[in-house]
C-alpha atoms as a PDB file:
ATOM      1  CA  UNK A   1     -69.161  29.248 -16.245  1.00  0.00           C
ATOM      2  CA  UNK A   2     -69.145  27.805 -12.238  1.00  0.00           C
ATOM      3  CA  UNK A   3     -65.275  27.707 -10.784  1.00  0.00           C
ATOM      4  CA  UNK A   4     -64.713  25.417  -8.185  1.00  0.00           C
ATOM      5  CA  UNK A   5     -62.122  26.402  -5.102  1.00  0.00           C
ATOM      6  CA  UNK A   6     -59.713  23.943  -4.336  1.00  0.00           C
ATOM      7  CA  UNK A   7     -59.039  23.718  -1.158  1.00  0.00           C
ATOM      8  CA  UNK A   8     -55.574  21.979   0.191  1.00  0.00           C
ATOM      9  CA  UNK A   9     -55.340  20.407   3.004  1.00  0.00           C
ATOM     10  CA  UNK A  10     -52.123  21.146   4.756  1.00  0.00           C
ATOM     11  CA  UNK A  11     -50.591  18.560   7.356  1.00  0.00           C
ATOM     12  CA  UNK A  12     -48.761  20.375   9.981  1.00  0.00           C
ATOM     13  CA  UNK A  13     -46.336  18.142  12.145  1.00  0.00           C
ATOM     14  CA  UNK A  14     -48.364  17.336  14.850  1.00  0.00           C
ATOM     15  CA  UNK A  15     -50.877  15.696  12.354  1.00  0.00           C
ATOM     16  CA  UNK A  16     -47.604  13.144  11.605  1.00  0.00           C
ATOM     17  CA  UNK A  17     -46.740  13.089  15.064  1.00  0.00           C
ATOM     18  CA  UNK A  18     -50.854  11.808  15.838  1.00  0.00           C
ATOM     19  CA  UNK A  19     -50.677   9.916  12.664  1.00  0.00           C
ATOM     20  CA  UNK A  20     -47.850   8.185  13.792  1.00  0.00           C
ATOM     21  CA  UNK A  21     -48.703   7.690  17.231  1.00  0.00           C
ATOM     22  CA  UNK A  22     -51.826   5.708  16.030  1.00  0.00           C
ATOM     23  CA  UNK A  23     -50.136   3.687  13.169  1.00  0.00           C
ATOM     24  CA  UNK A  24     -47.970   2.598  16.044  1.00  0.00           C
ATOM     25  CA  UNK A  25     -51.039   1.995  18.786  1.00  0.00           C
ATOM     26  CA  UNK A  26     -52.273  -0.763  15.515  1.00  0.00           C
ATOM     27  CA  UNK A  27     -48.858  -1.921  15.520  1.00  0.00           C
ATOM     28  CA  UNK A  28     -48.158  -2.707  19.456  1.00  0.00           C
ATOM     29  CA  UNK A  29     -52.396  -3.507  19.390  1.00  0.00           C
ATOM     30  CA  UNK A  30     -51.610  -5.733  16.390  1.00  0.00           C
ATOM     31  CA  UNK A  31     -48.010  -8.012  18.096  1.00  0.00           C
ATOM     32  CA  UNK A  32     -48.099  -7.324  21.650  1.00  0.00           C
ATOM     33  CA  UNK A  33     -44.990  -5.602  21.239  1.00  0.00           C
ATOM     34  CA  UNK A  34     -45.472  -1.513  22.346  1.00  0.00           C
ATOM     35  CA  UNK A  35     -44.210   0.677  19.793  1.00  0.00           C
ATOM     36  CA  UNK A  36     -41.983   2.471  22.432  1.00  0.00           C
ATOM     37  CA  UNK A  37     -40.218  -1.113  23.200  1.00  0.00           C
ATOM     38  CA  UNK A  38     -39.093  -1.405  19.006  1.00  0.00           C
ATOM     39  CA  UNK A  39     -37.932   2.423  19.009  1.00  0.00           C
ATOM     40  CA  UNK A  40     -35.859   0.911  21.754  1.00  0.00           C
ATOM     41  CA  UNK A  41     -34.429  -2.345  19.982  1.00  0.00           C
ATOM     42  CA  UNK A  42     -34.343   0.286  16.851  1.00  0.00           C
ATOM     43  CA  UNK A  43     -32.233   2.350  18.830  1.00  0.00           C
ATOM     44  CA  UNK A  44     -29.806  -0.407  20.331  1.00  0.00           C
ATOM     45  CA  UNK A  45     -28.941  -1.963  17.655  1.00  0.00           C
ATOM     46  CA  UNK A  46     -28.723   1.304  15.263  1.00  0.00           C
ATOM     47  CA  UNK A  47     -25.965   2.225  18.399  1.00  0.00           C
ATOM     48  CA  UNK A  48     -24.351  -1.255  18.103  1.00  0.00           C
ATOM     49  CA  UNK A  49     -24.076  -0.652  14.448  1.00  0.00           C
ATOM     50  CA  UNK A  50     -22.367   2.785  15.219  1.00  0.00           C
ATOM     51  CA  UNK A  51     -19.546   0.954  17.775  1.00  0.00           C
ATOM     52  CA  UNK A  52     -19.748  -1.408  15.245  1.00  0.00           C
ATOM     53  CA  UNK A  53     -18.388   1.719  12.202  1.00  0.00           C
ATOM     54  CA  UNK A  54     -16.313   3.045  14.903  1.00  0.00           C
ATOM     55  CA  UNK A  55     -14.199  -0.558  15.143  1.00  0.00           C
ATOM     56  CA  UNK A  56     -13.687  -0.890  11.355  1.00  0.00           C
ATOM     57  CA  UNK A  57     -12.537   2.746  11.042  1.00  0.00           C
ATOM     58  CA  UNK A  58     -10.582   1.847  14.031  1.00  0.00           C
ATOM     59  CA  UNK A  59      -9.002  -0.969  11.768  1.00  0.00           C
ATOM     60  CA  UNK A  60      -8.933   1.435   9.011  1.00  0.00           C
ATOM     61  CA  UNK A  61      -6.692  -0.319   6.149  1.00  0.00           C
ATOM     62  CA  UNK A  62      -4.633  -2.372   8.335  1.00  0.00           C
ATOM     63  CA  UNK A  63      -6.396  -5.579   7.342  1.00  0.00           C
ATOM     64  CA  UNK A  64      -5.471  -5.117   3.738  1.00  0.00           C
ATOM     65  CA  UNK A  65      -1.805  -3.649   4.447  1.00  0.00           C
ATOM     66  CA  UNK A  66      -0.975  -7.114   6.086  1.00  0.00           C
ATOM     67  CA  UNK A  67      -2.844  -9.209   2.803  1.00  0.00           C
ATOM     68  CA  UNK A  68      -0.264  -6.794   0.771  1.00  0.00           C
ATOM     69  CA  UNK A  69       1.778  -7.655   2.862  1.00  0.00           C
ATOM     70  CA  UNK A  70       1.443 -11.558   2.973  1.00  0.00           C
ATOM     71  CA  UNK A  71       1.667 -11.195  -0.710  1.00  0.00           C
ATOM     72  CA  UNK A  72       4.799  -8.731  -1.078  1.00  0.00           C
ATOM     73  CA  UNK A  73       6.224 -11.871   0.912  1.00  0.00           C
ATOM     74  CA  UNK A  74       4.842 -14.395  -1.372  1.00  0.00           C
ATOM     75  CA  UNK A  75       6.286 -12.620  -4.779  1.00  0.00           C
ATOM     76  CA  UNK A  76       9.516 -11.586  -2.983  1.00  0.00           C
ATOM     77  CA  UNK A  77      10.074 -15.402  -1.948  1.00  0.00           C
ATOM     78  CA  UNK A  78       9.130 -16.932  -5.175  1.00  0.00           C
ATOM     79  CA  UNK A  79      11.405 -14.961  -6.897  1.00  0.00           C
ATOM     80  CA  UNK A  80      14.219 -15.804  -4.562  1.00  0.00           C
ATOM     81  CA  UNK A  81      13.446 -19.463  -5.122  1.00  0.00           C
ATOM     82  CA  UNK A  82      13.843 -18.753  -9.093  1.00  0.00           C
ATOM     83  CA  UNK A  83      16.720 -16.721  -8.369  1.00  0.00           C
ATOM     84  CA  UNK A  84      18.294 -19.446  -6.884  1.00  0.00           C
ATOM     85  CA  UNK A  85      17.682 -22.040 -10.024  1.00  0.00           C
ATOM     86  CA  UNK A  86      18.787 -19.146 -12.730  1.00  0.00           C
ATOM     87  CA  UNK A  87      22.140 -19.505 -10.406  1.00  0.00           C
ATOM     88  CA  UNK A  88      22.357 -23.005 -10.408  1.00  0.00           C
ATOM     89  CA  UNK A  89      21.672 -23.122 -13.942  1.00  0.00           C
ATOM     90  CA  UNK A  90      24.301 -21.048 -14.580  1.00  0.00           C
ATOM     91  CA  UNK A  91      26.624 -22.740 -12.363  1.00  0.00           C
ATOM     92  CA  UNK A  92      25.597 -26.031 -14.700  1.00  0.00           C
ATOM     93  CA  UNK A  93      26.535 -24.183 -17.811  1.00  0.00           C
ATOM     94  CA  UNK A  94      29.952 -23.126 -16.797  1.00  0.00           C
ATOM     95  CA  UNK A  95      31.027 -26.507 -14.899  1.00  0.00           C
ATOM     96  CA  UNK A  96      29.767 -27.623 -19.220  1.00  0.00           C
ATOM     97  CA  UNK A  97      31.957 -24.927 -20.711  1.00  0.00           C
ATOM     98  CA  UNK A  98      34.907 -25.504 -18.720  1.00  0.00           C
ATOM     99  CA  UNK A  99      34.563 -29.662 -19.247  1.00  0.00           C
ATOM    100  CA  UNK A 100      34.107 -28.191 -22.860  1.00  0.00           C
ATOM    101  CA  UNK A 101      37.453 -26.262 -22.529  1.00  0.00           C
ATOM    102  CA  UNK A 102      39.244 -29.465 -21.424  1.00  0.00           C
ATOM    103  CA  UNK A 103      38.346 -31.137 -24.022  1.00  0.00           C
ATOM    104  CA  UNK A 104      38.862 -28.944 -26.943  1.00  0.00           C
ATOM    105  CA  UNK A 105      43.014 -28.498 -25.276  1.00  0.00           C
ATOM    106  CA  UNK A 106      43.034 -32.566 -24.949  1.00  0.00           C
ATOM    107  CA  UNK A 107      41.356 -32.463 -28.925  1.00  0.00           C
ATOM    108  CA  UNK A 108      44.307 -29.365 -29.499  1.00  0.00           C
ATOM    109  CA  UNK A 109      46.840 -31.774 -28.151  1.00  0.00           C
ATOM    110  CA  UNK A 110      45.464 -34.894 -29.986  1.00  0.00           C
ATOM    111  CA  UNK A 111      45.725 -33.224 -33.344  1.00  0.00           C
ATOM    112  CA  UNK A 112      49.280 -31.571 -32.541  1.00  0.00           C
ATOM    113  CA  UNK A 113      50.278 -34.993 -32.003  1.00  0.00           C
ATOM    114  CA  UNK A 114      48.937 -35.895 -35.686  1.00  0.00           C
ATOM    115  CA  UNK A 115      49.895 -33.091 -37.016  1.00  0.00           C
ATOM    116  CA  UNK A 116      53.861 -34.029 -37.123  1.00  0.00           C
ATOM    117  CA  UNK A 117      53.001 -37.516 -38.240  1.00  0.00           C
ATOM    118  CA  UNK A 118      51.113 -36.471 -41.922  1.00  0.00           C
ATOM    119  CA  UNK A 119      51.810 -37.526 -44.785  1.00  0.00           C
ATOM    120  CA  UNK A 120      50.637 -35.109 -46.914  1.00  0.00           C
ATOM    121  CA  UNK A 121      50.066 -30.890 -47.279  1.00  0.00           C
ATOM    122  CA  UNK A 122      45.692 -32.412 -47.124  1.00  0.00           C
ATOM    123  CA  UNK A 123      46.131 -33.907 -44.303  1.00  0.00           C
ATOM    124  CA  UNK A 124      47.991 -31.389 -42.994  1.00  0.00           C
ATOM    125  CA  UNK A 125      45.561 -28.098 -43.028  1.00  0.00           C
ATOM    126  CA  UNK A 126      43.049 -30.718 -41.950  1.00  0.00           C
ATOM    127  CA  UNK A 127      44.253 -30.702 -39.125  1.00  0.00           C
ATOM    128  CA  UNK A 128      45.429 -27.655 -38.833  1.00  0.00           C
ATOM    129  CA  UNK A 129      42.408 -26.379 -39.155  1.00  0.00           C
ATOM    130  CA  UNK A 130      40.931 -28.512 -36.295  1.00  0.00           C
ATOM    131  CA  UNK A 131      43.137 -27.199 -34.268  1.00  0.00           C
ATOM    132  CA  UNK A 132      42.043 -23.815 -35.061  1.00  0.00           C
ATOM    133  CA  UNK A 133      38.501 -24.122 -34.692  1.00  0.00           C
ATOM    134  CA  UNK A 134      38.984 -26.273 -31.595  1.00  0.00           C
ATOM    135  CA  UNK A 135      41.071 -23.356 -30.281  1.00  0.00           C
ATOM    136  CA  UNK A 136      38.674 -20.919 -30.796  1.00  0.00           C
ATOM    137  CA  UNK A 137      35.586 -23.173 -29.315  1.00  0.00           C
ATOM    138  CA  UNK A 138      38.218 -22.786 -26.274  1.00  0.00           C
ATOM    139  CA  UNK A 139      37.877 -19.170 -26.513  1.00  0.00           C
ATOM    140  CA  UNK A 140      34.322 -19.218 -26.493  1.00  0.00           C
ATOM    141  CA  UNK A 141      34.041 -20.710 -23.789  1.00  0.00           C
ATOM    142  CA  UNK A 142      36.075 -18.605 -21.820  1.00  0.00           C
ATOM    143  CA  UNK A 143      34.660 -15.689 -23.262  1.00  0.00           C
ATOM    144  CA  UNK A 144      31.317 -17.034 -22.235  1.00  0.00           C
ATOM    145  CA  UNK A 145      32.699 -18.183 -18.694  1.00  0.00           C
ATOM    146  CA  UNK A 146      33.364 -14.717 -18.405  1.00  0.00           C
ATOM    147  CA  UNK A 147      29.866 -13.837 -19.336  1.00  0.00           C
ATOM    148  CA  UNK A 148      28.573 -15.667 -16.775  1.00  0.00           C
ATOM    149  CA  UNK A 149      31.027 -15.110 -13.806  1.00  0.00           C
ATOM    150  CA  UNK A 150      28.855 -11.832 -14.639  1.00  0.00           C
ATOM    151  CA  UNK A 151      25.703 -13.666 -14.442  1.00  0.00           C
ATOM    152  CA  UNK A 152      25.980 -15.303 -11.676  1.00  0.00           C
ATOM    153  CA  UNK A 153      27.536 -12.023  -9.683  1.00  0.00           C
ATOM    154  CA  UNK A 154      24.278 -10.088 -10.567  1.00  0.00           C
ATOM    155  CA  UNK A 155      22.200 -12.970  -9.990  1.00  0.00           C
ATOM    156  CA  UNK A 156      23.894 -13.413  -6.130  1.00  0.00           C
ATOM    157  CA  UNK A 157      23.589  -9.889  -5.215  1.00  0.00           C
ATOM    158  CA  UNK A 158      19.900  -9.607  -6.567  1.00  0.00           C
ATOM    159  CA  UNK A 159      19.558 -12.513  -4.044  1.00  0.00           C
ATOM    160  CA  UNK A 160      21.127 -11.120  -1.009  1.00  0.00           C
ATOM    161  CA  UNK A 161      19.119  -7.764  -1.677  1.00  0.00           C
ATOM    162  CA  UNK A 162      16.174  -9.855  -2.401  1.00  0.00           C
ATOM    163  CA  UNK A 163      16.905 -11.651   1.648  1.00  0.00           C
ATOM    164  CA  UNK A 164      16.864  -8.271   2.676  1.00  0.00           C
ATOM    165  CA  UNK A 165      13.948  -7.037   1.209  1.00  0.00           C
ATOM    166  CA  UNK A 166      12.345 -10.534   2.581  1.00  0.00           C
ATOM    167  CA  UNK A 167      13.613  -9.704   5.834  1.00  0.00           C
ATOM    168  CA  UNK A 168      11.830  -6.289   6.037  1.00  0.00           C
ATOM    169  CA  UNK A 169       8.814  -7.315   5.053  1.00  0.00           C
ATOM    170  CA  UNK A 170       8.351  -9.733   7.095  1.00  0.00           C
ATOM    171  CA  UNK A 171       8.795  -7.809  10.433  1.00  0.00           C
ATOM    172  CA  UNK A 172       6.803  -5.389   8.360  1.00  0.00           C
ATOM    173  CA  UNK A 173       4.136  -7.732   8.391  1.00  0.00           C
ATOM    174  CA  UNK A 174       4.393  -9.250  11.861  1.00  0.00           C
ATOM    175  CA  UNK A 175       4.545  -5.945  13.506  1.00  0.00           C
ATOM    176  CA  UNK A 176       0.649  -5.327  11.399  1.00  0.00           C
ATOM    177  CA  UNK A 177      -0.327  -8.191  12.464  1.00  0.00           C
ATOM    178  CA  UNK A 178       0.245  -7.202  16.026  1.00  0.00           C
ATOM    179  CA  UNK A 179      -1.217  -4.872  15.697  1.00  0.00           C
ATOM    180  CA  UNK A 180      -4.349  -5.848  14.406  1.00  0.00           C
ATOM    181  CA  UNK A 181      -4.719  -8.507  16.895  1.00  0.00           C
ATOM    182  CA  UNK A 182      -4.493  -5.875  19.487  1.00  0.00           C
ATOM    183  CA  UNK A 183      -7.057  -3.860  17.910  1.00  0.00           C
ATOM    184  CA  UNK A 184      -9.158  -6.883  17.195  1.00  0.00           C
ATOM    185  CA  UNK A 185      -8.836  -8.262  20.519  1.00  0.00           C
ATOM    186  CA  UNK A 186      -9.824  -5.358  22.420  1.00  0.00           C
ATOM    187  CA  UNK A 187     -12.554  -4.775  20.418  1.00  0.00           C
ATOM    188  CA  UNK A 188     -13.512  -7.900  20.248  1.00  0.00           C
ATOM    189  CA  UNK A 189     -16.503  -7.688  22.242  1.00  0.00           C
END
């Protein structure tokens, strides 16, 4: 049997450099720009890229914070509009309940007058039931007025709290925007 010795070629860093230099000369000869100029351009691009990374690092999460604050403000404004609509609806409901109470009182008075002119027991019982029904309607309306007044107080407090939150967020947003604008101005070049 014949054995063949495998010869390994050992590549040294000097060989790699010579290969790189000879490849660089071949490239520079083909397009007319020397490898040194290309490497210098590549170095400048890398420096610019590093500077851009530093600017992004300097800005950090500030653009996202500004966006979050803008979203919060939009949400608070929507909440305020909805709360104001709920307050208007509750006030309208209150006025309806008050009108119902006035109507019930008028019907009770009318029925009491009619009860004085009744001819038989059946009419008297019918009028008495109507009076009781109107009084119950009046009591229920008064109860709903009390509940609605509590709701109005809660909604009014919520509206005031939301206004305070909105004012605070708008101040924060203004400060963050100034800070971001300052950073952008400083790093514009």
